[in-house]
Amino acid sequence: MYTEEQKLRKVRVGNFILETWDTDRYTRVGKSILGYRFSGALGTLFEGENFGCSPLHAVDSDEVLRGILSFLTLQPGEDEEYHFEEYSESQMAFAEESAEGLAFCYLIEKEAFEDIE
C-alpha cells in the first residue's frame, strides 16, 4: 500500500479504477518506477510496483496512465504466450472481454480520464 504523499492519481477507466503512486525508486537510466493498481467490480485485477515511467512525461500525466494501460490491456495474440501464463481466471477474462474496448477508448481515441478522490 502507498502513503498519501506517494499518491499520484486515482482515475476511472470505463468501469475500472486505476491508481498510481510514486515508489521513490528509479531504474538505472533514471526512469521513475511507479506503482499501480487496476481494479474492477470483483476487486484488484493487476497490481505492481514495476512500471518504468518515460522521462518524457510527468509521473502524474495522462500519458503515463496510457503507458500503464498499454500493457494491462494486452490480449492473447498481441504478445508472446508466456506473458499470459500466470494470469488468473479474472485477468484472462478481462484480457479476452474488456481489454480491447479500453485500449480503443484510452489508447487510440485518447478519451479523458475521470479523476476521483
C-alpha atoms as a PDB file:
ATOM      1  CA  MET A   1       0.000   0.000   0.000  1.00  0.00           C
ATOM      2  CA  TYR A   2       1.124   3.559  -0.578  1.00  0.00           C
ATOM      3  CA  THR A   3       1.019   6.657   1.582  1.00  0.00           C
ATOM      4  CA  GLU A   4      -0.953   9.800   0.804  1.00  0.00           C
ATOM      5  CA  GLU A   5       2.344  11.547  -0.024  1.00  0.00           C
ATOM      6  CA  GLN A   6       3.150   8.887  -2.639  1.00  0.00           C
ATOM      7  CA  LYS A   7      -0.278   9.024  -4.308  1.00  0.00           C
ATOM      8  CA  LEU A   8      -0.215  10.338  -7.857  1.00  0.00           C
ATOM      9  CA  ARG A   9      -3.609   9.657  -9.477  1.00  0.00           C
ATOM     10  CA  LYS A  10      -6.795   7.671  -8.998  1.00  0.00           C
ATOM     11  CA  VAL A  11      -8.913   7.647 -12.143  1.00  0.00           C
ATOM     12  CA  ARG A  12     -11.955   5.942 -13.578  1.00  0.00           C
ATOM     13  CA  VAL A  13     -11.165   3.990 -16.735  1.00  0.00           C
ATOM     14  CA  GLY A  14     -14.515   2.843 -18.118  1.00  0.00           C
ATOM     15  CA  ASN A  15     -15.870   0.514 -15.422  1.00  0.00           C
ATOM     16  CA  PHE A  16     -12.447   0.160 -13.793  1.00  0.00           C
ATOM     17  CA  ILE A  17     -10.253   2.186 -11.420  1.00  0.00           C
ATOM     18  CA  LEU A  18      -6.543   2.833 -11.997  1.00  0.00           C
ATOM     19  CA  GLU A  19      -4.457   4.116  -9.081  1.00  0.00           C
ATOM     20  CA  THR A  20      -0.822   5.177  -9.373  1.00  0.00           C
ATOM     21  CA  TRP A  21       1.806   6.098  -6.816  1.00  0.00           C
ATOM     22  CA  ASP A  22       5.463   7.050  -6.666  1.00  0.00           C
ATOM     23  CA  THR A  23       7.690   4.299  -5.237  1.00  0.00           C
ATOM     24  CA  ASP A  24      10.617   6.699  -4.753  1.00  0.00           C
ATOM     25  CA  ARG A  25      12.730   4.274  -6.813  1.00  0.00           C
ATOM     26  CA  TYR A  26      14.411   4.715 -10.204  1.00  0.00           C
ATOM     27  CA  THR A  27      15.763   2.482 -12.945  1.00  0.00           C
ATOM     28  CA  ARG A  28      19.484   2.506 -13.769  1.00  0.00           C
ATOM     29  CA  VAL A  29      18.777   5.029 -16.514  1.00  0.00           C
ATOM     30  CA  GLY A  30      16.825   7.354 -14.227  1.00  0.00           C
ATOM     31  CA  LYS A  31      13.214   6.442 -15.024  1.00  0.00           C
ATOM     32  CA  SER A  32      10.807   6.794 -12.111  1.00  0.00           C
ATOM     33  CA  ILE A  33       9.372   3.457 -11.049  1.00  0.00           C
ATOM     34  CA  LEU A  34       5.674   3.775 -10.342  1.00  0.00           C
ATOM     35  CA  GLY A  35       3.218   1.548  -8.552  1.00  0.00           C
ATOM     36  CA  TYR A  36      -0.239   0.845  -9.929  1.00  0.00           C
ATOM     37  CA  ARG A  37      -3.450  -0.925  -9.002  1.00  0.00           C
ATOM     38  CA  PHE A  38      -6.103  -1.707 -11.598  1.00  0.00           C
ATOM     39  CA  SER A  39      -9.434  -2.783 -10.117  1.00  0.00           C
ATOM     40  CA  GLY A  40     -12.875  -3.762 -11.296  1.00  0.00           C
ATOM     41  CA  ALA A  41     -16.162  -4.725  -9.697  1.00  0.00           C
ATOM     42  CA  LEU A  42     -14.692  -8.002  -8.444  1.00  0.00           C
ATOM     43  CA  GLY A  43     -11.570  -6.457  -6.929  1.00  0.00           C
ATOM     44  CA  THR A  44      -7.973  -5.939  -7.965  1.00  0.00           C
ATOM     45  CA  LEU A  45      -7.006  -7.340 -11.372  1.00  0.00           C
ATOM     46  CA  PHE A  46      -3.423  -6.104 -11.595  1.00  0.00           C
ATOM     47  CA  GLU A  47      -1.102  -4.550  -9.053  1.00  0.00           C
ATOM     48  CA  GLY A  48       2.609  -3.893  -9.050  1.00  0.00           C
ATOM     49  CA  GLU A  49       5.441  -1.513  -8.384  1.00  0.00           C
ATOM     50  CA  ASN A  50       7.348  -2.091 -11.589  1.00  0.00           C
ATOM     51  CA  PHE A  51       6.300   0.479 -14.193  1.00  0.00           C
ATOM     52  CA  GLY A  52       9.290   2.391 -15.573  1.00  0.00           C
ATOM     53  CA  CYS A  53       7.807   5.752 -16.478  1.00  0.00           C
ATOM     54  CA  SER A  54       9.039   7.548 -19.604  1.00  0.00           C
ATOM     55  CA  PRO A  55      11.249  10.509 -18.681  1.00  0.00           C
ATOM     56  CA  LEU A  56       9.398  12.475 -21.387  1.00  0.00           C
ATOM     57  CA  HIS A  57       6.225  12.640 -19.300  1.00  0.00           C
ATOM     58  CA  ALA A  58       5.354  13.867 -15.820  1.00  0.00           C
ATOM     59  CA  VAL A  59       4.716  10.962 -13.439  1.00  0.00           C
ATOM     60  CA  ASP A  60       1.126  12.136 -12.895  1.00  0.00           C
ATOM     61  CA  SER A  61       0.275  12.739 -16.566  1.00  0.00           C
ATOM     62  CA  ASP A  62      -2.385  11.135 -18.744  1.00  0.00           C
ATOM     63  CA  GLU A  63       0.446   9.861 -20.966  1.00  0.00           C
ATOM     64  CA  VAL A  64       1.814   7.786 -18.083  1.00  0.00           C
ATOM     65  CA  LEU A  65      -1.638   6.346 -17.389  1.00  0.00           C
ATOM     66  CA  ARG A  66      -1.878   5.392 -21.055  1.00  0.00           C
ATOM     67  CA  GLY A  67       1.552   3.771 -20.826  1.00  0.00           C
ATOM     68  CA  ILE A  68       0.419   1.597 -17.935  1.00  0.00           C
ATOM     69  CA  LEU A  69      -2.798   0.717 -19.763  1.00  0.00           C
ATOM     70  CA  SER A  70      -0.817  -0.264 -22.849  1.00  0.00           C
ATOM     71  CA  PHE A  71       0.478  -3.363 -21.098  1.00  0.00           C
ATOM     72  CA  LEU A  72      -2.542  -4.011 -18.852  1.00  0.00           C
ATOM     73  CA  THR A  73      -4.797  -4.203 -21.925  1.00  0.00           C
ATOM     74  CA  LEU A  74      -2.672  -6.683 -23.867  1.00  0.00           C
ATOM     75  CA  GLN A  75      -4.739  -9.505 -25.300  1.00  0.00           C
ATOM     76  CA  PRO A  76      -3.785 -13.062 -26.194  1.00  0.00           C
ATOM     77  CA  GLY A  77      -2.222 -12.974 -29.641  1.00  0.00           C
ATOM     78  CA  GLU A  78      -0.755  -9.482 -29.162  1.00  0.00           C
ATOM     79  CA  ASP A  79       2.228 -10.694 -27.159  1.00  0.00           C
ATOM     80  CA  GLU A  80       4.120 -13.899 -26.502  1.00  0.00           C
ATOM     81  CA  GLU A  81       2.046 -16.635 -24.846  1.00  0.00           C
ATOM     82  CA  TYR A  82       4.297 -16.667 -21.777  1.00  0.00           C
ATOM     83  CA  HIS A  83       3.025 -13.170 -20.925  1.00  0.00           C
ATOM     84  CA  PHE A  84      -0.342 -14.727 -20.021  1.00  0.00           C
ATOM     85  CA  GLU A  85       0.859 -17.964 -18.380  1.00  0.00           C
ATOM     86  CA  GLU A  86       0.431 -16.693 -14.814  1.00  0.00           C
ATOM     87  CA  TYR A  87      -2.809 -14.795 -15.397  1.00  0.00           C
ATOM     88  CA  SER A  88      -5.663 -15.666 -13.054  1.00  0.00           C
ATOM     89  CA  GLU A  89      -9.109 -16.528 -14.399  1.00  0.00           C
ATOM     90  CA  SER A  90     -10.294 -12.968 -13.771  1.00  0.00           C
ATOM     91  CA  GLN A  91      -7.242 -11.481 -15.522  1.00  0.00           C
ATOM     92  CA  MET A  92      -7.802 -13.714 -18.574  1.00  0.00           C
ATOM     93  CA  ALA A  93     -11.496 -12.828 -18.624  1.00  0.00           C
ATOM     94  CA  PHE A  94     -10.550  -9.138 -18.575  1.00  0.00           C
ATOM     95  CA  ALA A  95      -7.964  -9.630 -21.352  1.00  0.00           C
ATOM     96  CA  GLU A  96     -10.443 -11.501 -23.531  1.00  0.00           C
ATOM     97  CA  GLU A  97     -13.601  -9.486 -22.818  1.00  0.00           C
ATOM     98  CA  SER A  98     -12.764  -5.906 -21.814  1.00  0.00           C
ATOM     99  CA  ALA A  99      -9.175  -5.035 -22.699  1.00  0.00           C
ATOM    100  CA  GLU A 100      -9.817  -4.253 -26.359  1.00  0.00           C
ATOM    101  CA  GLY A 101     -12.563  -1.726 -25.624  1.00  0.00           C
ATOM    102  CA  LEU A 102     -10.486   0.091 -23.022  1.00  0.00           C
ATOM    103  CA  ALA A 103      -7.447   0.119 -25.280  1.00  0.00           C
ATOM    104  CA  PHE A 104      -9.505   1.619 -28.084  1.00  0.00           C
ATOM    105  CA  CYS A 105     -11.037   4.336 -25.893  1.00  0.00           C
ATOM    106  CA  TYR A 106      -7.983   5.359 -23.899  1.00  0.00           C
ATOM    107  CA  LEU A 107      -5.013   4.478 -26.115  1.00  0.00           C
ATOM    108  CA  ILE A 108      -6.349   5.135 -29.594  1.00  0.00           C
ATOM    109  CA  GLU A 109      -9.184   7.629 -29.134  1.00  0.00           C
ATOM    110  CA  LYS A 110      -7.436   9.211 -26.116  1.00  0.00           C
ATOM    111  CA  GLU A 111     -10.573   9.660 -24.019  1.00  0.00           C
ATOM    112  CA  ALA A 112     -10.055  11.786 -20.941  1.00  0.00           C
ATOM    113  CA  PHE A 113      -9.556  10.103 -17.594  1.00  0.00           C
ATOM    114  CA  GLU A 114     -12.009  10.942 -14.826  1.00  0.00           C
ATOM    115  CA  ASP A 115     -10.036  11.774 -11.703  1.00  0.00           C
ATOM    116  CA  ILE A 116     -11.647  10.573  -8.495  1.00  0.00           C
ATOM    117  CA  GLU A 117     -10.668  11.342  -4.900  1.00  0.00           C
END
